[in-house]
């Protein structure tokens, strides 16, 4: 299957960087310190900004302050971070100005994690610091498309969480899913892959970017 587009917009955690162990340790620790159910808190985290998780889990707390206090835990244990297979190769194959990262984490956390796994910082990086509303709101993906100068309908989003898929779809973009964050065929995605080794990018005629995936790699 081949998707034609002018830009590819990636989520960060679970798509380019395997940060699950760090995120789980951070949120379970926070839940324990606040007397909350760790499993319940973890169920709220996929695709959401830290303040949004706090608002849902403990609305009586100051969400912004709690999120700020968690920053040190967000970048702890960098040795636990891993590149999602194929992330460096795929992003390295994309033309300059044809890709972006849209993440629910802060800019500090995003750049730290990208460096830790050796993925080059993209020309456009939209973080929790840059938006008013987090995923599933489309603001982040629309901001990235605008910064790249690409119409939303000519963007393909790569996401691992259902909330991220909803954000991409609400922005008028097509979405490719990556396993691991709960995303599935019922979330409106074009298809789901195990990791980024299943995707390849070639430059098509007229300066367009073709995102190509073999049928044998789809679910």
N, C-alpha and C. Protein backbone atom coordinates (compact mmCIF):
# COMPACT_ATOMS: atom_id res chain seq x y z
N UNK A 1 0.84 -1.20 0.00
CA UNK A 1 0.00 0.00 0.00
C UNK A 1 0.87 1.24 0.00
N UNK A 2 0.50 2.26 -0.76
CA UNK A 2 1.27 3.48 -0.88
C UNK A 2 0.40 4.68 -0.55
N UNK A 3 0.88 5.52 0.36
CA UNK A 3 0.21 6.77 0.67
C UNK A 3 1.05 7.92 0.11
N UNK A 4 0.43 8.78 -0.68
CA UNK A 4 1.13 9.94 -1.22
C UNK A 4 0.87 11.15 -0.33
N UNK A 5 1.90 11.88 0.01
CA UNK A 5 1.75 13.04 0.88
C UNK A 5 2.92 13.99 0.64
N UNK A 6 2.87 15.15 1.31
CA UNK A 6 3.96 16.12 1.24
C UNK A 6 4.74 16.22 2.55
N UNK A 7 4.19 15.66 3.63
CA UNK A 7 4.87 15.71 4.92
C UNK A 7 4.42 14.55 5.79
N UNK A 8 5.32 14.10 6.65
CA UNK A 8 5.04 13.05 7.62
C UNK A 8 5.22 13.63 9.01
N UNK A 9 4.18 13.49 9.83
CA UNK A 9 4.19 14.04 11.18
C UNK A 9 4.19 12.89 12.19
N UNK A 10 5.25 12.81 12.98
CA UNK A 10 5.43 11.71 13.91
C UNK A 10 5.08 12.11 15.33
N UNK A 11 4.40 11.22 16.04
CA UNK A 11 4.37 11.28 17.49
C UNK A 11 5.78 10.89 17.95
N UNK A 12 6.10 11.14 19.21
CA UNK A 12 7.44 10.83 19.71
C UNK A 12 7.48 9.51 20.49
N UNK A 13 6.88 9.51 21.68
CA UNK A 13 6.95 8.33 22.55
C UNK A 13 6.13 7.18 21.97
N UNK A 14 6.79 6.04 21.81
CA UNK A 14 6.13 4.88 21.25
C UNK A 14 6.18 4.81 19.74
N UNK A 15 6.64 5.89 19.10
CA UNK A 15 6.74 5.92 17.64
C UNK A 15 8.20 6.07 17.21
N UNK A 16 8.90 7.04 17.78
CA UNK A 16 10.33 7.21 17.51
C UNK A 16 11.20 6.72 18.66
N UNK A 17 10.69 6.89 19.88
CA UNK A 17 11.46 6.53 21.09
C UNK A 17 10.64 5.58 21.95
N UNK A 18 11.24 4.47 22.32
CA UNK A 18 10.61 3.55 23.27
C UNK A 18 10.96 4.05 24.67
N UNK A 19 10.02 4.77 25.25
CA UNK A 19 10.23 5.38 26.56
C UNK A 19 9.29 4.80 27.61
N UNK A 20 8.61 3.72 27.27
CA UNK A 20 7.64 3.13 28.17
C UNK A 20 8.12 2.88 29.58
N UNK A 21 9.31 2.26 29.77
CA UNK A 21 9.78 2.00 31.14
C UNK A 21 9.97 3.27 31.96
N UNK A 22 10.47 4.33 31.31
CA UNK A 22 10.67 5.60 32.02
C UNK A 22 9.33 6.22 32.40
N UNK A 23 8.40 6.23 31.46
CA UNK A 23 7.08 6.82 31.70
C UNK A 23 6.32 6.05 32.78
N UNK A 24 6.39 4.73 32.71
CA UNK A 24 5.67 3.92 33.70
C UNK A 24 6.24 4.13 35.09
N UNK A 25 7.58 4.15 35.20
CA UNK A 25 8.19 4.36 36.51
C UNK A 25 7.78 5.72 37.07
N UNK A 26 7.77 6.75 36.21
CA UNK A 26 7.44 8.09 36.65
C UNK A 26 6.00 8.17 37.16
N UNK A 27 5.03 7.68 36.37
CA UNK A 27 3.63 7.82 36.74
C UNK A 27 3.25 6.91 37.90
N UNK A 28 3.80 5.72 37.95
CA UNK A 28 3.49 4.86 39.09
C UNK A 28 4.05 5.44 40.38
N UNK A 29 5.23 6.02 40.29
CA UNK A 29 5.79 6.68 41.46
C UNK A 29 4.96 7.86 41.91
N UNK A 30 4.52 8.65 40.96
CA UNK A 30 3.67 9.81 41.27
C UNK A 30 2.36 9.35 41.90
N UNK A 31 1.74 8.32 41.33
CA UNK A 31 0.48 7.81 41.86
C UNK A 31 0.64 7.34 43.30
N UNK A 32 1.73 6.64 43.57
CA UNK A 32 1.97 6.15 44.93
C UNK A 32 2.14 7.31 45.91
N UNK A 33 2.87 8.35 45.47
CA UNK A 33 3.09 9.51 46.36
C UNK A 33 1.80 10.28 46.62
N UNK A 34 0.87 10.22 45.69
CA UNK A 34 -0.39 10.97 45.83
C UNK A 34 -1.54 10.09 46.31
N UNK A 35 -1.25 8.82 46.62
CA UNK A 35 -2.28 7.92 47.14
C UNK A 35 -3.31 7.53 46.10
N UNK A 36 -2.90 7.43 44.84
CA UNK A 36 -3.80 7.09 43.75
C UNK A 36 -3.53 5.68 43.26
N UNK A 37 -4.48 5.13 42.53
CA UNK A 37 -4.32 3.80 41.96
C UNK A 37 -3.36 3.86 40.78
N UNK A 38 -2.19 3.23 40.85
CA UNK A 38 -1.21 3.31 39.76
C UNK A 38 -1.75 2.79 38.43
N UNK A 39 -2.49 1.69 38.46
CA UNK A 39 -3.03 1.15 37.21
C UNK A 39 -4.02 2.13 36.57
N UNK A 40 -4.83 2.76 37.42
CA UNK A 40 -5.78 3.73 36.90
C UNK A 40 -5.09 4.93 36.28
N UNK A 41 -4.02 5.39 36.90
CA UNK A 41 -3.26 6.52 36.35
C UNK A 41 -2.61 6.12 35.03
N UNK A 42 -2.02 4.94 34.98
CA UNK A 42 -1.35 4.49 33.75
C UNK A 42 -2.34 4.42 32.59
N UNK A 43 -3.57 4.06 32.86
CA UNK A 43 -4.56 3.95 31.80
C UNK A 43 -4.88 5.31 31.19
N UNK A 44 -4.57 6.38 31.90
CA UNK A 44 -4.87 7.73 31.41
C UNK A 44 -3.73 8.33 30.58
N UNK A 45 -2.56 7.74 30.62
CA UNK A 45 -1.37 8.41 30.08
C UNK A 45 -1.19 8.38 28.57
N UNK A 46 -1.60 7.33 27.83
CA UNK A 46 -1.23 7.28 26.41
C UNK A 46 -1.71 8.50 25.62
N UNK A 47 -0.75 9.19 24.99
CA UNK A 47 -1.07 10.30 24.11
C UNK A 47 -1.43 11.60 24.80
N UNK A 48 -1.39 11.65 26.14
CA UNK A 48 -1.82 12.85 26.85
C UNK A 48 -0.64 13.60 27.45
N UNK A 49 -0.76 14.93 27.53
CA UNK A 49 0.22 15.76 28.21
C UNK A 49 0.14 15.49 29.72
N UNK A 50 1.26 15.69 30.40
CA UNK A 50 1.30 15.45 31.84
C UNK A 50 0.25 16.25 32.61
N UNK A 51 0.05 17.55 32.32
CA UNK A 51 -0.99 18.27 33.07
C UNK A 51 -2.39 17.69 32.85
N UNK A 52 -2.64 17.20 31.63
CA UNK A 52 -3.95 16.63 31.34
C UNK A 52 -4.17 15.33 32.11
N UNK A 53 -3.11 14.54 32.26
CA UNK A 53 -3.21 13.31 33.06
C UNK A 53 -3.52 13.66 34.51
N UNK A 54 -2.82 14.66 35.03
CA UNK A 54 -3.06 15.07 36.42
C UNK A 54 -4.49 15.56 36.60
N UNK A 55 -4.99 16.35 35.66
CA UNK A 55 -6.37 16.87 35.77
C UNK A 55 -7.39 15.75 35.81
N UNK A 56 -7.14 14.71 35.05
CA UNK A 56 -8.07 13.59 35.03
C UNK A 56 -7.94 12.72 36.28
N UNK A 57 -6.71 12.50 36.72
CA UNK A 57 -6.47 11.59 37.84
C UNK A 57 -6.72 12.23 39.19
N UNK A 58 -6.41 13.51 39.31
CA UNK A 58 -6.51 14.19 40.60
C UNK A 58 -6.88 15.66 40.38
N UNK A 59 -8.13 15.93 40.03
CA UNK A 59 -8.53 17.30 39.68
C UNK A 59 -8.36 18.31 40.81
N UNK A 60 -8.18 17.83 42.02
CA UNK A 60 -8.01 18.75 43.14
C UNK A 60 -6.60 19.32 43.22
N UNK A 61 -5.65 18.74 42.49
CA UNK A 61 -4.27 19.18 42.51
C UNK A 61 -4.02 20.26 41.47
N UNK A 62 -2.93 21.00 41.66
CA UNK A 62 -2.49 22.01 40.68
C UNK A 62 -1.78 21.26 39.56
N UNK A 63 -2.45 21.09 38.43
CA UNK A 63 -1.94 20.25 37.35
C UNK A 63 -0.62 20.75 36.79
N UNK A 64 -0.50 22.07 36.63
CA UNK A 64 0.72 22.62 36.04
C UNK A 64 1.90 22.42 36.98
N UNK A 65 1.70 22.67 38.27
CA UNK A 65 2.78 22.48 39.24
C UNK A 65 3.19 21.02 39.32
N UNK A 66 2.20 20.13 39.35
CA UNK A 66 2.52 18.70 39.41
C UNK A 66 3.34 18.28 38.19
N UNK A 67 2.94 18.74 37.01
CA UNK A 67 3.65 18.40 35.78
C UNK A 67 5.07 18.95 35.80
N UNK A 68 5.22 20.18 36.27
CA UNK A 68 6.55 20.78 36.36
C UNK A 68 7.45 19.97 37.30
N UNK A 69 6.88 19.51 38.40
CA UNK A 69 7.65 18.73 39.37
C UNK A 69 8.08 17.38 38.80
N UNK A 70 7.33 16.89 37.80
CA UNK A 70 7.64 15.60 37.20
C UNK A 70 8.72 15.67 36.12
N UNK A 71 9.12 16.88 35.73
CA UNK A 71 10.09 17.02 34.64
C UNK A 71 11.38 16.23 34.90
N UNK A 72 11.88 16.26 36.14
CA UNK A 72 13.12 15.55 36.43
C UNK A 72 12.96 14.04 36.26
N UNK A 73 11.75 13.54 36.53
CA UNK A 73 11.51 12.11 36.34
C UNK A 73 11.35 11.78 34.86
N UNK A 74 10.89 12.75 34.06
CA UNK A 74 10.69 12.53 32.63
C UNK A 74 12.01 12.23 31.92
N UNK A 75 13.10 12.81 32.41
CA UNK A 75 14.40 12.62 31.74
C UNK A 75 15.33 11.73 32.55
N UNK A 76 14.81 11.12 33.60
CA UNK A 76 15.64 10.21 34.40
C UNK A 76 15.85 8.89 33.64
N UNK A 77 16.88 8.19 34.01
CA UNK A 77 17.16 6.86 33.47
C UNK A 77 17.22 6.83 31.94
N UNK A 78 18.06 7.69 31.32
CA UNK A 78 18.13 7.69 29.85
C UNK A 78 18.60 6.36 29.27
N UNK A 79 19.26 5.55 30.11
CA UNK A 79 19.71 4.24 29.63
C UNK A 79 18.55 3.29 29.34
N UNK A 80 17.37 3.65 29.84
CA UNK A 80 16.19 2.81 29.59
C UNK A 80 15.50 3.17 28.26
N UNK A 81 15.91 4.29 27.67
CA UNK A 81 15.31 4.72 26.40
C UNK A 81 15.90 3.93 25.24
N UNK A 82 15.08 3.62 24.26
CA UNK A 82 15.52 2.90 23.07
C UNK A 82 14.91 3.54 21.82
N UNK A 83 15.64 3.48 20.74
CA UNK A 83 15.08 3.88 19.46
C UNK A 83 14.04 2.85 19.04
N UNK A 84 12.88 3.31 18.59
CA UNK A 84 11.94 2.39 17.95
C UNK A 84 12.59 1.93 16.65
N UNK A 85 12.60 0.64 16.41
CA UNK A 85 13.30 0.10 15.24
C UNK A 85 12.89 0.84 13.97
N UNK A 86 13.89 1.32 13.25
CA UNK A 86 13.66 2.00 11.99
C UNK A 86 13.50 3.50 12.09
N UNK A 87 13.48 4.06 13.30
CA UNK A 87 13.22 5.49 13.47
C UNK A 87 14.31 6.35 12.83
N UNK A 88 15.57 6.05 13.11
CA UNK A 88 16.64 6.87 12.53
C UNK A 88 16.70 6.74 11.02
N UNK A 89 16.52 5.54 10.52
CA UNK A 89 16.58 5.34 9.08
C UNK A 89 15.44 6.05 8.36
N UNK A 90 14.23 5.95 8.91
CA UNK A 90 13.08 6.55 8.24
C UNK A 90 13.14 8.07 8.28
N UNK A 91 13.41 8.65 9.44
CA UNK A 91 13.49 10.11 9.51
C UNK A 91 14.66 10.64 8.70
N UNK A 92 15.75 9.88 8.66
CA UNK A 92 16.90 10.30 7.87
C UNK A 92 16.66 10.27 6.38
N UNK A 93 15.67 9.49 5.94
CA UNK A 93 15.36 9.39 4.51
C UNK A 93 14.41 10.47 4.04
N UNK A 94 13.81 11.21 5.00
CA UNK A 94 12.84 12.24 4.63
C UNK A 94 13.54 13.53 4.21
N UNK A 95 13.05 14.19 3.18
CA UNK A 95 13.63 15.47 2.76
C UNK A 95 13.50 16.51 3.86
N UNK A 96 14.44 17.46 3.89
CA UNK A 96 14.37 18.54 4.87
C UNK A 96 13.08 19.32 4.66
N UNK A 97 12.41 19.63 5.74
CA UNK A 97 11.17 20.38 5.65
C UNK A 97 9.96 19.53 5.32
N UNK A 98 10.15 18.21 5.31
CA UNK A 98 9.03 17.33 4.96
C UNK A 98 8.59 16.48 6.13
N UNK A 99 9.08 16.79 7.35
CA UNK A 99 8.65 16.01 8.49
C UNK A 99 8.68 16.85 9.77
N UNK A 100 7.94 16.40 10.76
CA UNK A 100 7.87 17.08 12.04
C UNK A 100 7.57 16.05 13.12
N UNK A 101 7.77 16.46 14.37
CA UNK A 101 7.39 15.66 15.52
C UNK A 101 6.37 16.46 16.32
N UNK A 102 5.29 15.81 16.71
CA UNK A 102 4.24 16.44 17.52
C UNK A 102 4.07 15.58 18.76
N UNK A 103 4.47 16.09 19.90
CA UNK A 103 4.50 15.28 21.11
C UNK A 103 3.73 15.92 22.25
N UNK A 104 3.24 15.09 23.16
CA UNK A 104 2.54 15.56 24.35
C UNK A 104 3.51 15.92 25.46
N UNK A 105 4.80 15.68 25.26
CA UNK A 105 5.81 16.03 26.24
C UNK A 105 6.31 17.45 26.05
N UNK A 106 7.07 17.95 27.01
CA UNK A 106 7.64 19.29 26.91
C UNK A 106 8.80 19.29 25.91
N UNK A 107 9.22 20.50 25.50
CA UNK A 107 10.35 20.60 24.57
C UNK A 107 11.62 20.03 25.19
N UNK A 108 11.83 20.31 26.46
CA UNK A 108 13.02 19.79 27.14
C UNK A 108 13.04 18.26 27.12
N UNK A 109 11.91 17.66 27.45
CA UNK A 109 11.83 16.20 27.46
C UNK A 109 12.00 15.65 26.05
N UNK A 110 11.35 16.26 25.07
CA UNK A 110 11.41 15.77 23.69
C UNK A 110 12.83 15.80 23.14
N UNK A 111 13.51 16.93 23.29
CA UNK A 111 14.86 17.03 22.74
C UNK A 111 15.83 16.11 23.49
N UNK A 112 15.62 15.95 24.78
CA UNK A 112 16.48 15.05 25.56
C UNK A 112 16.31 13.61 25.09
N UNK A 113 15.08 13.18 24.85
CA UNK A 113 14.84 11.81 24.42
C UNK A 113 15.33 11.56 22.99
N UNK A 114 15.14 12.53 22.10
CA UNK A 114 15.64 12.37 20.73
C UNK A 114 17.15 12.21 20.74
N UNK A 115 17.83 13.05 21.49
CA UNK A 115 19.29 12.95 21.56
C UNK A 115 19.73 11.61 22.14
N UNK A 116 19.01 11.14 23.15
CA UNK A 116 19.40 9.90 23.83
C UNK A 116 19.40 8.70 22.90
N UNK A 117 18.52 8.70 21.90
CA UNK A 117 18.43 7.54 21.01
C UNK A 117 19.04 7.82 19.64
N UNK A 118 19.57 9.02 19.45
CA UNK A 118 20.26 9.32 18.20
C UNK A 118 19.38 9.70 17.03
N UNK A 119 18.15 10.14 17.30
CA UNK A 119 17.27 10.63 16.24
C UNK A 119 17.47 12.14 16.13
N UNK A 120 17.75 12.62 14.92
CA UNK A 120 17.99 14.04 14.71
C UNK A 120 16.75 14.85 15.02
N UNK A 121 16.95 15.98 15.70
CA UNK A 121 15.81 16.86 15.97
C UNK A 121 15.22 17.35 14.66
N UNK A 122 13.91 17.29 14.51
CA UNK A 122 13.29 17.64 13.23
C UNK A 122 13.29 19.15 13.00
N UNK A 123 13.04 19.57 11.75
CA UNK A 123 12.96 21.00 11.48
C UNK A 123 11.79 21.67 12.18
N UNK A 124 10.73 20.90 12.43
CA UNK A 124 9.57 21.41 13.17
C UNK A 124 9.29 20.45 14.31
N UNK A 125 9.28 20.98 15.53
CA UNK A 125 8.99 20.18 16.73
C UNK A 125 7.91 20.91 17.52
N UNK A 126 6.73 20.32 17.59
CA UNK A 126 5.61 20.90 18.33
C UNK A 126 5.45 20.11 19.62
N UNK A 127 5.55 20.77 20.74
CA UNK A 127 5.52 20.11 22.04
C UNK A 127 4.34 20.63 22.87
N UNK A 128 4.23 20.10 24.09
CA UNK A 128 3.19 20.56 25.00
C UNK A 128 3.34 22.04 25.34
N UNK A 129 4.56 22.56 25.21
CA UNK A 129 4.81 23.97 25.50
C UNK A 129 4.24 24.89 24.43
N UNK A 130 3.90 24.34 23.27
CA UNK A 130 3.53 25.16 22.12
C UNK A 130 2.04 25.19 21.84
N UNK A 131 1.25 24.44 22.60
CA UNK A 131 -0.18 24.35 22.31
C UNK A 131 -1.00 24.66 23.56
N UNK A 132 -2.23 25.06 23.31
CA UNK A 132 -3.18 25.27 24.41
C UNK A 132 -3.87 23.97 24.77
N UNK A 133 -4.20 23.19 23.74
CA UNK A 133 -4.93 21.95 23.93
C UNK A 133 -4.10 20.77 23.44
N UNK A 134 -4.02 19.73 24.26
CA UNK A 134 -3.28 18.54 23.88
C UNK A 134 -4.14 17.56 23.11
N UNK A 135 -3.52 16.50 22.62
CA UNK A 135 -4.25 15.44 21.94
C UNK A 135 -5.32 14.87 22.88
N UNK A 136 -6.51 14.57 22.39
CA UNK A 136 -6.91 14.37 20.99
C UNK A 136 -7.30 15.63 20.22
N UNK A 137 -7.10 16.80 20.79
CA UNK A 137 -7.35 18.02 20.03
C UNK A 137 -6.35 18.09 18.87
N UNK A 138 -6.75 18.57 17.70
CA UNK A 138 -5.86 18.59 16.53
C UNK A 138 -4.87 19.73 16.51
N UNK A 139 -4.87 20.60 17.53
CA UNK A 139 -4.05 21.81 17.49
C UNK A 139 -2.59 21.52 17.15
N UNK A 140 -1.99 20.53 17.80
CA UNK A 140 -0.57 20.25 17.58
C UNK A 140 -0.27 19.87 16.14
N UNK A 141 -1.09 18.99 15.58
CA UNK A 141 -0.84 18.56 14.20
C UNK A 141 -1.12 19.67 13.20
N UNK A 142 -2.14 20.49 13.45
CA UNK A 142 -2.41 21.62 12.57
C UNK A 142 -1.27 22.64 12.64
N UNK A 143 -0.71 22.85 13.83
CA UNK A 143 0.41 23.77 13.98
C UNK A 143 1.63 23.29 13.21
N UNK A 144 1.88 21.98 13.26
CA UNK A 144 3.02 21.43 12.54
C UNK A 144 2.85 21.58 11.04
N UNK A 145 1.66 21.30 10.54
CA UNK A 145 1.40 21.44 9.11
C UNK A 145 1.58 22.89 8.67
N UNK A 146 1.08 23.81 9.48
CA UNK A 146 1.23 25.22 9.14
C UNK A 146 2.69 25.64 9.12
N UNK A 147 3.47 25.18 10.10
CA UNK A 147 4.89 25.52 10.16
C UNK A 147 5.66 24.98 8.96
N UNK A 148 5.25 23.81 8.47
CA UNK A 148 5.89 23.22 7.30
C UNK A 148 5.37 23.80 5.99
N UNK A 149 4.26 24.53 6.06
CA UNK A 149 3.65 25.07 4.86
C UNK A 149 2.98 24.02 4.01
N UNK A 150 2.44 22.99 4.67
CA UNK A 150 1.80 21.87 3.96
C UNK A 150 0.32 21.82 4.35
N UNK A 151 -0.59 21.70 3.39
CA UNK A 151 -2.02 21.57 3.74
C UNK A 151 -2.24 20.31 4.59
N UNK A 152 -3.12 20.37 5.57
CA UNK A 152 -3.37 19.20 6.42
C UNK A 152 -3.70 17.94 5.64
N UNK A 153 -4.45 18.07 4.57
CA UNK A 153 -4.84 16.91 3.78
C UNK A 153 -3.69 16.25 3.06
N UNK A 154 -2.54 16.92 3.03
CA UNK A 154 -1.35 16.35 2.39
C UNK A 154 -0.35 15.84 3.43
N UNK A 155 -0.79 15.66 4.67
CA UNK A 155 0.06 15.15 5.74
C UNK A 155 -0.37 13.75 6.14
N UNK A 156 0.61 12.92 6.49
CA UNK A 156 0.36 11.60 7.08
C UNK A 156 0.92 11.62 8.49
N UNK A 157 0.09 11.24 9.45
CA UNK A 157 0.47 11.17 10.86
C UNK A 157 0.86 9.74 11.21
N UNK A 158 1.91 9.58 12.00
CA UNK A 158 2.32 8.26 12.49
C UNK A 158 2.16 8.27 14.01
N UNK A 159 1.25 7.45 14.52
CA UNK A 159 0.85 7.49 15.93
C UNK A 159 0.75 6.09 16.52
N UNK A 160 0.88 6.00 17.85
CA UNK A 160 0.70 4.71 18.51
C UNK A 160 -0.46 4.70 19.49
N UNK A 161 -1.06 5.87 19.76
CA UNK A 161 -2.13 5.96 20.75
C UNK A 161 -3.44 6.38 20.10
N UNK A 162 -4.57 5.83 20.54
CA UNK A 162 -5.85 6.22 19.97
C UNK A 162 -6.12 7.72 20.06
N UNK A 163 -5.71 8.38 21.16
CA UNK A 163 -5.94 9.82 21.28
C UNK A 163 -5.15 10.58 20.23
N UNK A 164 -3.95 10.10 19.90
CA UNK A 164 -3.15 10.72 18.86
C UNK A 164 -3.77 10.53 17.49
N UNK A 165 -4.32 9.33 17.27
CA UNK A 165 -5.00 9.07 16.00
C UNK A 165 -6.19 10.00 15.83
N UNK A 166 -6.94 10.20 16.91
CA UNK A 166 -8.10 11.09 16.84
C UNK A 166 -7.66 12.52 16.54
N UNK A 167 -6.52 12.92 17.08
CA UNK A 167 -6.00 14.27 16.81
C UNK A 167 -5.66 14.42 15.33
N UNK A 168 -4.98 13.42 14.77
CA UNK A 168 -4.62 13.48 13.36
C UNK A 168 -5.83 13.49 12.46
N UNK A 169 -6.79 12.64 12.76
CA UNK A 169 -8.01 12.58 11.95
C UNK A 169 -8.80 13.88 12.05
N UNK A 170 -8.87 14.45 13.25
CA UNK A 170 -9.59 15.72 13.43
C UNK A 170 -8.91 16.85 12.67
N UNK A 171 -7.61 16.71 12.44
CA UNK A 171 -6.87 17.71 11.66
C UNK A 171 -7.06 17.53 10.16
N UNK A 172 -7.77 16.47 9.77
CA UNK A 172 -7.98 16.20 8.36
C UNK A 172 -6.85 15.46 7.70
N UNK A 173 -6.08 14.73 8.49
CA UNK A 173 -4.93 13.99 7.99
C UNK A 173 -5.19 12.50 8.00
N UNK A 174 -4.41 11.76 7.23
CA UNK A 174 -4.46 10.30 7.30
C UNK A 174 -3.49 9.83 8.37
N UNK A 175 -3.78 8.68 8.97
CA UNK A 175 -3.00 8.20 10.11
C UNK A 175 -2.53 6.78 9.88
N UNK A 176 -1.25 6.54 10.16
CA UNK A 176 -0.67 5.21 10.19
C UNK A 176 -0.40 4.86 11.65
N UNK A 177 -0.78 3.67 12.06
CA UNK A 177 -0.61 3.27 13.44
C UNK A 177 0.64 2.44 13.67
N UNK A 178 1.22 2.58 14.86
CA UNK A 178 2.36 1.76 15.30
C UNK A 178 1.92 1.01 16.54
N UNK A 179 2.09 -0.29 16.56
CA UNK A 179 1.66 -1.11 17.68
C UNK A 179 2.36 -0.71 18.98
N UNK A 180 1.70 -0.97 20.09
CA UNK A 180 2.32 -0.79 21.39
C UNK A 180 1.61 0.20 22.27
N UNK A 181 0.91 1.17 21.67
CA UNK A 181 0.24 2.19 22.47
C UNK A 181 -1.26 2.04 22.52
N UNK A 182 -1.76 0.89 22.05
CA UNK A 182 -3.18 0.64 22.10
C UNK A 182 -3.94 0.97 20.83
N UNK A 183 -3.25 1.48 19.82
CA UNK A 183 -3.92 1.85 18.58
C UNK A 183 -4.31 0.58 17.82
N UNK A 184 -5.42 0.66 17.08
CA UNK A 184 -5.89 -0.52 16.34
C UNK A 184 -6.58 -0.12 15.06
N UNK A 185 -6.97 -1.11 14.30
CA UNK A 185 -7.61 -0.87 13.01
C UNK A 185 -8.93 -0.10 13.15
N UNK A 186 -9.54 -0.17 14.31
CA UNK A 186 -10.80 0.52 14.51
C UNK A 186 -10.66 1.99 14.87
N UNK A 187 -9.43 2.49 14.90
CA UNK A 187 -9.20 3.89 15.27
C UNK A 187 -9.10 4.81 14.06
N UNK A 188 -9.55 4.34 12.90
CA UNK A 188 -9.55 5.19 11.72
C UNK A 188 -8.25 5.27 10.99
N UNK A 189 -7.30 4.38 11.33
CA UNK A 189 -5.98 4.42 10.69
C UNK A 189 -6.02 3.72 9.33
N UNK A 190 -5.07 4.08 8.49
CA UNK A 190 -4.94 3.43 7.18
C UNK A 190 -4.48 1.99 7.34
N UNK A 191 -3.55 1.78 8.25
CA UNK A 191 -3.06 0.45 8.58
C UNK A 191 -2.20 0.57 9.82
N UNK A 192 -1.83 -0.57 10.41
CA UNK A 192 -1.01 -0.62 11.61
C UNK A 192 0.23 -1.46 11.33
N UNK A 193 1.39 -0.97 11.79
CA UNK A 193 2.65 -1.70 11.62
C UNK A 193 3.27 -1.98 12.98
N UNK A 194 4.17 -2.95 13.01
CA UNK A 194 4.83 -3.31 14.27
C UNK A 194 5.84 -2.26 14.69
N UNK A 195 6.57 -1.71 13.74
CA UNK A 195 7.55 -0.66 14.02
C UNK A 195 7.87 0.03 12.70
N UNK A 196 8.82 0.97 12.73
CA UNK A 196 9.07 1.80 11.55
C UNK A 196 9.90 1.12 10.48
N UNK A 197 10.41 -0.08 10.76
CA UNK A 197 11.12 -0.80 9.70
C UNK A 197 10.15 -1.23 8.60
N UNK A 198 8.85 -1.21 8.90
CA UNK A 198 7.84 -1.59 7.91
C UNK A 198 7.50 -0.46 6.95
N UNK A 199 8.04 0.74 7.20
CA UNK A 199 7.75 1.90 6.37
C UNK A 199 9.00 2.34 5.62
N UNK A 200 8.82 2.77 4.38
CA UNK A 200 9.91 3.37 3.62
C UNK A 200 9.40 4.59 2.90
N UNK A 201 10.26 5.58 2.71
CA UNK A 201 9.88 6.84 2.08
C UNK A 201 10.69 7.05 0.82
N UNK A 202 10.00 7.42 -0.24
CA UNK A 202 10.67 7.80 -1.47
C UNK A 202 10.11 9.14 -1.93
N UNK A 203 10.93 9.89 -2.68
CA UNK A 203 10.50 11.17 -3.20
C UNK A 203 9.86 10.97 -4.56
N UNK A 204 8.61 11.37 -4.65
CA UNK A 204 7.86 11.18 -5.89
C UNK A 204 8.03 12.39 -6.79
N UNK A 205 7.48 12.31 -8.00
CA UNK A 205 7.57 13.41 -8.95
C UNK A 205 6.83 14.62 -8.42
N UNK A 206 7.30 15.80 -8.81
CA UNK A 206 6.66 17.03 -8.37
C UNK A 206 6.99 17.41 -6.94
N UNK A 207 8.02 16.79 -6.36
CA UNK A 207 8.43 17.13 -5.00
C UNK A 207 7.57 16.53 -3.92
N UNK A 208 6.65 15.66 -4.27
CA UNK A 208 5.82 15.01 -3.26
C UNK A 208 6.62 13.91 -2.56
N UNK A 209 6.13 13.54 -1.38
CA UNK A 209 6.77 12.49 -0.62
C UNK A 209 5.84 11.29 -0.59
N UNK A 210 6.34 10.15 -1.06
CA UNK A 210 5.53 8.94 -1.03
C UNK A 210 5.89 8.08 0.17
N UNK A 211 4.92 7.79 1.00
CA UNK A 211 5.13 6.91 2.13
C UNK A 211 4.69 5.51 1.73
N UNK A 212 5.64 4.56 1.65
CA UNK A 212 5.32 3.24 1.11
C UNK A 212 5.50 2.15 2.18
N UNK A 213 4.56 1.26 2.21
CA UNK A 213 4.62 0.14 3.14
C UNK A 213 4.21 -1.12 2.40
N UNK A 214 4.96 -2.21 2.64
CA UNK A 214 4.62 -3.46 1.99
C UNK A 214 3.38 -4.07 2.63
N UNK A 215 2.55 -4.72 1.82
CA UNK A 215 1.33 -5.32 2.34
C UNK A 215 1.63 -6.42 3.36
N UNK A 216 2.75 -7.09 3.22
CA UNK A 216 3.08 -8.17 4.14
C UNK A 216 3.37 -7.64 5.54
N UNK A 217 3.62 -6.33 5.67
CA UNK A 217 3.93 -5.76 6.98
C UNK A 217 2.71 -5.20 7.67
N UNK A 218 1.58 -5.14 6.98
CA UNK A 218 0.38 -4.59 7.59
C UNK A 218 -0.35 -5.65 8.39
N UNK A 219 -1.19 -5.19 9.32
CA UNK A 219 -2.05 -6.08 10.09
C UNK A 219 -3.42 -6.14 9.44
